[in-house]
Amino acid sequence: MSDESSLFSTFKGNAVPKRQASGNSGQSLTEGILGKHFGVCKRNYDVDGADHWIGLLDSENNPLAVWLRVQSKSRDRGNRAHFTAAHASTPAGRLRTDFFAFIHVDEGDEMSFYVLDAGQILALPRDKDGHPYFDTSNPGIQPSTRPEAVARLNAELQRMIAVEDKQRRRAQANEVLLSEMALAHDLRNQNFSDRPKFTYLLTRWKRSAVDDDDAITLIISVNIETKEKRPVDARVDLFTTADTFGWGTRGAGSKMTAWSILAHHLARTPTSGEVNLLIQYALVDLEPYLDYEISTEEIAAALMKRRALYRRLMLEGIANAKSHRSQLNSPG
């Protein structure tokens, strides 16, 4: 039979059919070794370098949702098996613990095979193009047996399943925690429909109309429905200071006001962030010696980083008060 009509003549001088035949042979040999012990799914090598996905089966022979990627190669003894380094690492450059390679070697009178993980592949010597390559002269890598290969892949699958279970339990715990936090948030912030709405009167009580230095700062809560008025406690247990209530830019006095109003408004201990929001979006613009009213809705707006409606009215009040003072102080 001439070379032209030989059954294998298409291989002569053409490396692609040789690689395809070698690859198909390697895949079949790998399937023979692992098929009785794992679920074996054929893959498109061009997708992720894997000829197969290997996974464990449940009691009903259904595959579990954790897979190893296995690449298979078949070589004559002394010939190199080349790899693509990118297949053994993630896009972020981390080692792929789920990537293995089976290299089947024709020894002449028998077949042997080697199992390499991603770390071993990346540690192989490189050819002139930078591709890792393996041949039987590589030191430190010994032929494997079926029991060794099965045990090795099984151990990695069990580890991956344990990690996935841990991550799933953590995600479930986080989901429960978030649900509990959302419930607590809803209970605290259901527009306070289960609590009466209030207006808070920020006022300065004086013994006489002319004795301004003797004024006492007070905060009075007014129930919108019942019109009941009660003084708001100064929450020195939440914010310790020697100052009394204050507003405007009077430092500790404004903070005492914010802590006390919010503790009453929220029916819980406010956070320092909420206190800062109330000061920033509500109290900082108030003149220290004027009286103001702040509603439940206006406080809620401040906590959502919105200037409350009362701010516009407050600024108008400040302007009117200044105008009135200037008129009183003007001559004749």
Protein backbone atom coordinates (compact mmCIF):
# COMPACT_ATOMS: atom_id res chain seq x y z
CA MET A 1 0.00 0.00 0.00
CA SER A 2 1.45 3.37 -1.00
CA ASP A 3 1.90 6.22 1.43
CA GLU A 4 -0.88 8.09 -0.33
CA SER A 5 -3.42 5.31 0.28
CA SER A 6 -2.18 4.32 3.75
CA LEU A 7 -4.84 4.39 6.47
CA PHE A 8 -2.70 6.78 8.55
CA SER A 9 -1.26 8.78 5.69
CA THR A 10 -3.18 11.92 6.79
CA PHE A 11 -0.99 12.06 9.92
CA LYS A 12 2.23 12.40 7.97
CA GLY A 13 3.55 15.94 8.30
CA ASN A 14 0.35 17.14 9.94
CA ALA A 15 0.41 17.65 13.70
CA VAL A 16 -3.28 18.53 14.11
CA PRO A 17 -4.72 15.05 13.34
CA LYS A 18 -2.03 13.51 15.54
CA ARG A 19 -3.01 15.72 18.45
CA GLN A 20 -6.69 14.99 17.88
CA ALA A 21 -6.09 11.24 17.86
CA SER A 22 -3.85 11.50 20.91
CA GLY A 23 -6.45 13.61 22.70
CA ASN A 24 -9.27 11.21 21.92
CA SER A 25 -7.14 8.31 23.13
CA GLY A 26 -6.29 10.15 26.35
CA GLN A 27 -9.95 10.99 27.01
CA SER A 28 -10.99 7.37 26.56
CA LEU A 29 -8.26 6.14 28.89
CA THR A 30 -9.26 8.69 31.56
CA GLU A 31 -12.91 7.69 31.24
CA GLY A 32 -11.88 4.06 31.73
CA ILE A 33 -10.05 4.89 34.95
CA LEU A 34 -12.65 7.21 36.50
CA GLY A 35 -15.95 6.17 34.97
CA LYS A 36 -16.88 3.66 37.69
CA HIS A 37 -16.16 6.05 40.53
CA PHE A 38 -17.40 9.48 39.37
CA GLY A 39 -19.87 11.18 37.15
CA VAL A 40 -17.93 12.01 33.98
CA CYS A 41 -19.14 14.75 31.66
CA LYS A 42 -17.38 15.50 28.37
CA ARG A 43 -16.42 19.12 27.84
CA ASN A 44 -15.24 21.34 25.02
CA TYR A 45 -11.49 21.73 25.59
CA ASP A 46 -11.50 25.22 24.06
CA VAL A 47 -13.82 26.55 26.79
CA ASP A 48 -11.64 26.03 29.88
CA GLY A 49 -8.96 23.50 28.90
CA ALA A 50 -10.97 20.59 30.29
CA ASP A 51 -11.83 17.47 28.33
CA HIS A 52 -14.07 16.28 31.18
CA TRP A 53 -15.84 17.50 34.24
CA ILE A 54 -15.55 14.97 37.05
CA GLY A 55 -18.02 14.96 39.95
CA LEU A 56 -19.43 12.83 42.74
CA LEU A 57 -22.83 11.20 42.52
CA ASP A 58 -25.53 11.08 45.17
CA SER A 59 -27.32 7.91 46.30
CA GLU A 60 -29.57 8.08 43.23
CA ASN A 61 -26.62 8.53 40.85
CA ASN A 62 -27.40 12.20 40.30
CA PRO A 63 -24.31 14.43 40.01
CA LEU A 64 -23.60 16.87 42.80
CA ALA A 65 -23.09 20.51 41.89
CA VAL A 66 -19.30 20.46 42.40
CA TRP A 67 -16.98 19.49 39.56
CA LEU A 68 -13.29 19.05 38.82
CA ARG A 69 -11.88 20.00 35.43
CA VAL A 70 -9.74 17.25 33.95
CA GLN A 71 -7.54 17.51 30.87
CA SER A 72 -6.33 14.28 29.23
CA LYS A 73 -3.29 13.69 27.06
CA SER A 74 -1.77 10.57 25.52
CA ARG A 75 1.92 10.40 24.59
CA ASP A 76 4.57 7.90 23.58
CA ARG A 77 7.36 7.57 26.10
CA GLY A 78 9.86 10.41 25.73
CA ASN A 79 7.43 12.76 24.00
CA ARG A 80 6.36 15.94 25.71
CA ALA A 81 2.86 16.86 26.83
CA HIS A 82 2.38 20.63 26.57
CA PHE A 83 -0.05 22.69 28.64
CA THR A 84 -1.53 26.17 28.58
CA ALA A 85 -0.57 27.87 31.84
CA ALA A 86 -3.76 29.97 31.85
CA HIS A 87 -5.87 26.81 32.25
CA ALA A 88 -4.23 26.13 35.62
CA SER A 89 -4.95 29.58 37.08
CA THR A 90 -7.90 31.91 37.51
CA PRO A 91 -8.20 35.26 35.67
CA ALA A 92 -7.04 36.85 38.94
CA GLY A 93 -3.86 34.74 38.83
CA ARG A 94 -4.79 32.32 41.62
CA LEU A 95 -4.12 28.60 41.46
CA ARG A 96 -7.08 26.53 40.22
CA THR A 97 -7.51 23.79 42.80
CA ASP A 98 -10.21 22.25 40.60
CA PHE A 99 -7.93 21.62 37.60
CA PHE A 100 -6.11 18.31 36.99
CA ALA A 101 -4.36 16.66 34.07
CA PHE A 102 -4.08 12.97 33.19
CA ILE A 103 -1.10 12.09 31.01
CA HIS A 104 -1.20 8.58 29.59
CA VAL A 105 2.17 7.26 28.42
CA ASP A 106 2.67 4.32 26.06
CA GLU A 107 5.69 2.49 27.51
CA GLY A 108 5.83 0.06 24.55
CA ASP A 109 4.52 -3.05 26.27
CA GLU A 110 2.20 -1.35 28.77
CA MET A 111 0.45 1.96 29.56
CA SER A 112 1.12 4.12 32.57
CA PHE A 113 -0.45 7.41 33.57
CA TYR A 114 0.46 10.46 35.61
CA VAL A 115 -1.88 12.81 37.48
CA LEU A 116 -0.85 16.46 37.84
CA ASP A 117 -2.67 19.20 39.70
CA ALA A 118 -2.56 22.88 38.73
CA GLY A 119 0.37 23.62 41.03
CA GLN A 120 2.46 20.83 39.51
CA ILE A 121 1.59 22.02 36.00
CA LEU A 122 2.68 25.57 36.69
CA ALA A 123 5.91 24.28 38.26
CA LEU A 124 6.88 22.34 35.11
CA PRO A 125 9.72 23.53 32.87
CA ARG A 126 8.69 25.83 30.02
CA ASP A 127 9.35 25.62 26.30
CA LYS A 128 10.54 28.55 24.21
CA ASP A 129 6.94 29.83 23.96
CA GLY A 130 6.49 29.77 27.73
CA HIS A 131 4.21 26.70 27.81
CA PRO A 132 4.70 24.18 30.65
CA TYR A 133 5.63 20.71 29.38
CA PHE A 134 5.88 17.25 30.90
CA ASP A 135 7.81 14.17 29.96
CA THR A 136 8.68 11.09 31.98
CA SER A 137 12.09 12.54 32.84
CA ASN A 138 10.54 15.26 35.01
CA PRO A 139 11.85 14.67 38.52
CA GLY A 140 9.53 14.19 41.46
CA ILE A 141 6.44 13.13 39.49
CA GLN A 142 5.73 9.40 39.70
CA PRO A 143 3.20 7.29 37.79
CA SER A 144 -0.13 6.90 39.53
CA THR A 145 -2.45 3.94 40.07
CA ARG A 146 -6.22 3.85 39.73
CA PRO A 147 -6.81 3.74 43.54
CA GLU A 148 -4.38 6.63 44.06
CA ALA A 149 -5.97 8.75 41.34
CA VAL A 150 -9.52 8.03 42.55
CA ALA A 151 -8.58 8.83 46.15
CA ARG A 152 -6.82 12.04 45.14
CA LEU A 153 -9.75 13.39 43.10
CA ASN A 154 -12.26 12.24 45.70
CA ALA A 155 -10.37 14.08 48.45
CA GLU A 156 -10.35 17.33 46.46
CA LEU A 157 -14.06 17.01 45.65
CA GLN A 158 -14.88 16.40 49.31
CA ARG A 159 -12.85 19.46 50.26
CA MET A 160 -14.63 21.60 47.67
CA ILE A 161 -18.03 20.35 48.84
CA ALA A 162 -17.12 21.19 52.45
CA VAL A 163 -16.06 24.70 51.40
CA GLU A 164 -19.25 25.18 49.41
CA ASP A 165 -21.36 23.93 52.32
CA LYS A 166 -19.57 26.35 54.66
CA GLN A 167 -20.13 29.23 52.25
CA ARG A 168 -23.78 28.23 51.83
CA ARG A 169 -24.29 28.06 55.60
CA ARG A 170 -22.58 31.43 55.98
CA ALA A 171 -24.78 32.90 53.23
CA GLN A 172 -27.87 31.45 54.88
CA ALA A 173 -26.79 32.84 58.26
CA ASN A 174 -26.18 36.24 56.67
CA GLU A 175 -29.57 36.03 55.00
CA VAL A 176 -31.23 35.29 58.35
CA LEU A 177 -29.30 38.12 59.98
CA LEU A 178 -30.28 40.54 57.23
CA SER A 179 -33.90 39.42 57.54
CA GLU A 180 -33.79 39.99 61.29
CA MET A 181 -32.18 43.38 60.80
CA ALA A 182 -34.76 44.30 58.17
CA LEU A 183 -37.55 43.20 60.51
CA ALA A 184 -36.07 45.21 63.36
CA HIS A 185 -35.69 48.18 61.03
CA ASP A 186 -39.29 47.85 59.88
CA LEU A 187 -40.53 47.60 63.44
CA ARG A 188 -38.57 50.71 64.37
CA ASN A 189 -39.34 52.66 61.23
CA GLN A 190 -42.83 51.74 60.10
CA ASN A 191 -43.50 55.49 59.77
CA PHE A 192 -44.18 55.30 63.50
CA SER A 193 -47.78 54.38 62.67
CA ASP A 194 -47.95 52.47 65.95
CA ARG A 195 -46.74 55.50 67.92
CA PRO A 196 -48.25 58.96 68.32
CA LYS A 197 -46.75 61.79 66.31
CA PHE A 198 -45.15 64.64 68.16
CA THR A 199 -44.10 68.22 67.74
CA TYR A 200 -41.05 69.19 69.73
CA LEU A 201 -41.03 72.72 71.13
CA LEU A 202 -37.54 74.14 71.56
CA THR A 203 -38.04 77.03 73.92
CA ARG A 204 -36.37 79.24 76.51
CA TRP A 205 -38.39 79.95 79.66
CA LYS A 206 -37.65 83.19 81.44
CA ARG A 207 -38.74 84.40 84.85
CA SER A 208 -39.34 87.86 83.49
CA ALA A 209 -39.53 89.35 80.04
CA VAL A 210 -36.44 91.45 80.60
CA ASP A 211 -34.21 88.92 82.40
CA ASP A 212 -32.79 87.04 79.39
CA ASP A 213 -29.71 85.83 81.27
CA ASP A 214 -31.92 83.80 83.61
CA ALA A 215 -33.56 81.83 80.77
CA ILE A 216 -33.86 78.05 81.01
CA THR A 217 -33.78 75.97 77.80
CA LEU A 218 -36.55 73.38 77.60
CA ILE A 219 -37.76 70.83 75.07
CA ILE A 220 -41.48 70.03 75.25
CA SER A 221 -43.08 67.12 73.39
CA VAL A 222 -46.61 67.76 72.16
CA ASN A 223 -48.80 64.76 71.22
CA ILE A 224 -50.44 65.78 67.95
CA GLU A 225 -53.65 63.88 68.69
CA THR A 226 -54.17 64.44 72.43
CA LYS A 227 -52.33 67.78 72.63
CA GLU A 228 -50.68 66.46 75.81
CA LYS A 229 -47.44 68.25 76.63
CA ARG A 230 -44.52 66.77 78.52
CA PRO A 231 -40.94 67.88 79.05
CA VAL A 232 -38.38 65.79 77.19
CA ASP A 233 -35.78 64.25 79.48
CA ALA A 234 -32.21 65.38 79.12
CA ARG A 235 -30.55 62.07 78.24
CA VAL A 236 -27.32 62.47 80.16
CA ASP A 237 -27.16 58.68 80.24
CA LEU A 238 -26.56 58.73 76.48
CA PHE A 239 -24.47 61.89 76.21
CA THR A 240 -22.65 63.08 79.28
CA THR A 241 -22.17 66.84 79.46
CA ALA A 242 -22.47 69.67 81.97
CA ASP A 243 -24.27 71.77 79.34
CA THR A 244 -28.01 72.07 79.09
CA PHE A 245 -30.13 71.91 75.94
CA GLY A 246 -28.98 74.13 73.12
CA TRP A 247 -29.34 74.58 69.39
CA GLY A 248 -27.52 76.33 66.66
CA THR A 249 -23.76 75.86 66.77
CA ARG A 250 -23.40 75.63 70.53
CA GLY A 251 -21.55 72.30 70.49
CA ALA A 252 -22.40 70.07 73.43
CA GLY A 253 -25.77 71.73 73.95
CA SER A 254 -26.85 70.87 70.40
CA LYS A 255 -25.65 67.29 70.87
CA MET A 256 -27.62 66.95 74.10
CA THR A 257 -30.71 68.22 72.26
CA ALA A 258 -30.19 65.76 69.38
CA TRP A 259 -29.62 62.74 71.65
CA SER A 260 -32.65 63.56 73.77
CA ILE A 261 -35.08 64.30 70.94
CA LEU A 262 -34.06 61.24 68.93
CA ALA A 263 -34.29 58.90 71.93
CA HIS A 264 -37.88 60.10 72.42
CA HIS A 265 -38.66 60.19 68.69
CA LEU A 266 -37.26 56.73 67.87
CA ALA A 267 -38.24 55.06 71.16
CA ARG A 268 -34.76 53.53 71.24
CA THR A 269 -31.14 54.54 71.64
CA PRO A 270 -30.14 56.54 68.56
CA THR A 271 -26.84 56.03 66.83
CA SER A 272 -24.13 58.68 66.73
CA GLY A 273 -24.67 58.85 62.96
CA GLU A 274 -28.34 59.69 63.44
CA VAL A 275 -27.44 62.32 66.01
CA ASN A 276 -24.98 63.93 63.60
CA LEU A 277 -27.59 63.94 60.83
CA LEU A 278 -30.15 65.70 63.02
CA ILE A 279 -27.59 68.33 63.97
CA GLN A 280 -26.36 68.78 60.41
CA TYR A 281 -29.76 68.92 58.72
CA ALA A 282 -31.86 70.47 61.45
CA LEU A 283 -30.27 72.07 64.50
CA VAL A 284 -27.19 73.78 63.09
CA ASP A 285 -29.22 76.54 61.39
CA LEU A 286 -31.24 77.45 64.47
CA GLU A 287 -30.52 80.69 66.30
CA PRO A 288 -29.63 80.00 69.95
CA TYR A 289 -32.02 82.55 71.43
CA LEU A 290 -35.17 81.88 69.37
CA ASP A 291 -37.95 79.30 69.89
CA TYR A 292 -38.73 76.61 67.32
CA GLU A 293 -41.07 73.75 66.58
CA ILE A 294 -39.80 70.51 65.02
CA SER A 295 -42.25 67.84 63.87
CA THR A 296 -41.89 64.06 63.59
CA GLU A 297 -41.88 64.34 59.79
CA GLU A 298 -39.18 66.99 59.84
CA ILE A 299 -36.93 64.83 62.01
CA ALA A 300 -37.47 61.88 59.66
CA ALA A 301 -36.51 64.11 56.72
CA ALA A 302 -33.29 65.14 58.48
CA LEU A 303 -32.39 61.48 59.10
CA MET A 304 -32.76 60.90 55.35
CA LYS A 305 -30.35 63.79 54.68
CA ARG A 306 -33.05 66.16 53.54
CA ARG A 307 -33.55 69.68 54.76
CA ALA A 308 -36.86 69.77 56.58
CA LEU A 309 -39.65 72.09 55.52
CA TYR A 310 -39.36 73.98 58.79
CA ARG A 311 -35.88 75.22 57.78
CA ARG A 312 -37.36 77.63 55.26
CA LEU A 313 -39.88 78.85 57.83
CA MET A 314 -37.13 79.02 60.44
CA LEU A 315 -34.97 81.22 58.22
CA GLU A 316 -37.94 83.46 57.60
CA GLY A 317 -38.48 83.66 61.36
CA ILE A 318 -34.83 84.60 61.91
CA ALA A 319 -35.08 87.34 59.30
CA ASN A 320 -38.27 88.68 60.84
CA ALA A 321 -36.77 88.59 64.36
CA LYS A 322 -33.69 90.48 63.22
CA SER A 323 -35.85 93.04 61.46
CA HIS A 324 -37.98 93.46 64.56
CA ARG A 325 -34.88 93.93 66.76
CA SER A 326 -33.43 96.53 64.43
CA GLN A 327 -36.70 98.44 64.50
CA LEU A 328 -36.74 98.40 68.28
CA ASN A 329 -33.15 99.57 68.46
CA SER A 330 -33.48 102.25 65.83
CA PRO A 331 -33.66 105.86 67.18
CA GLY A 332 -36.96 107.77 67.46
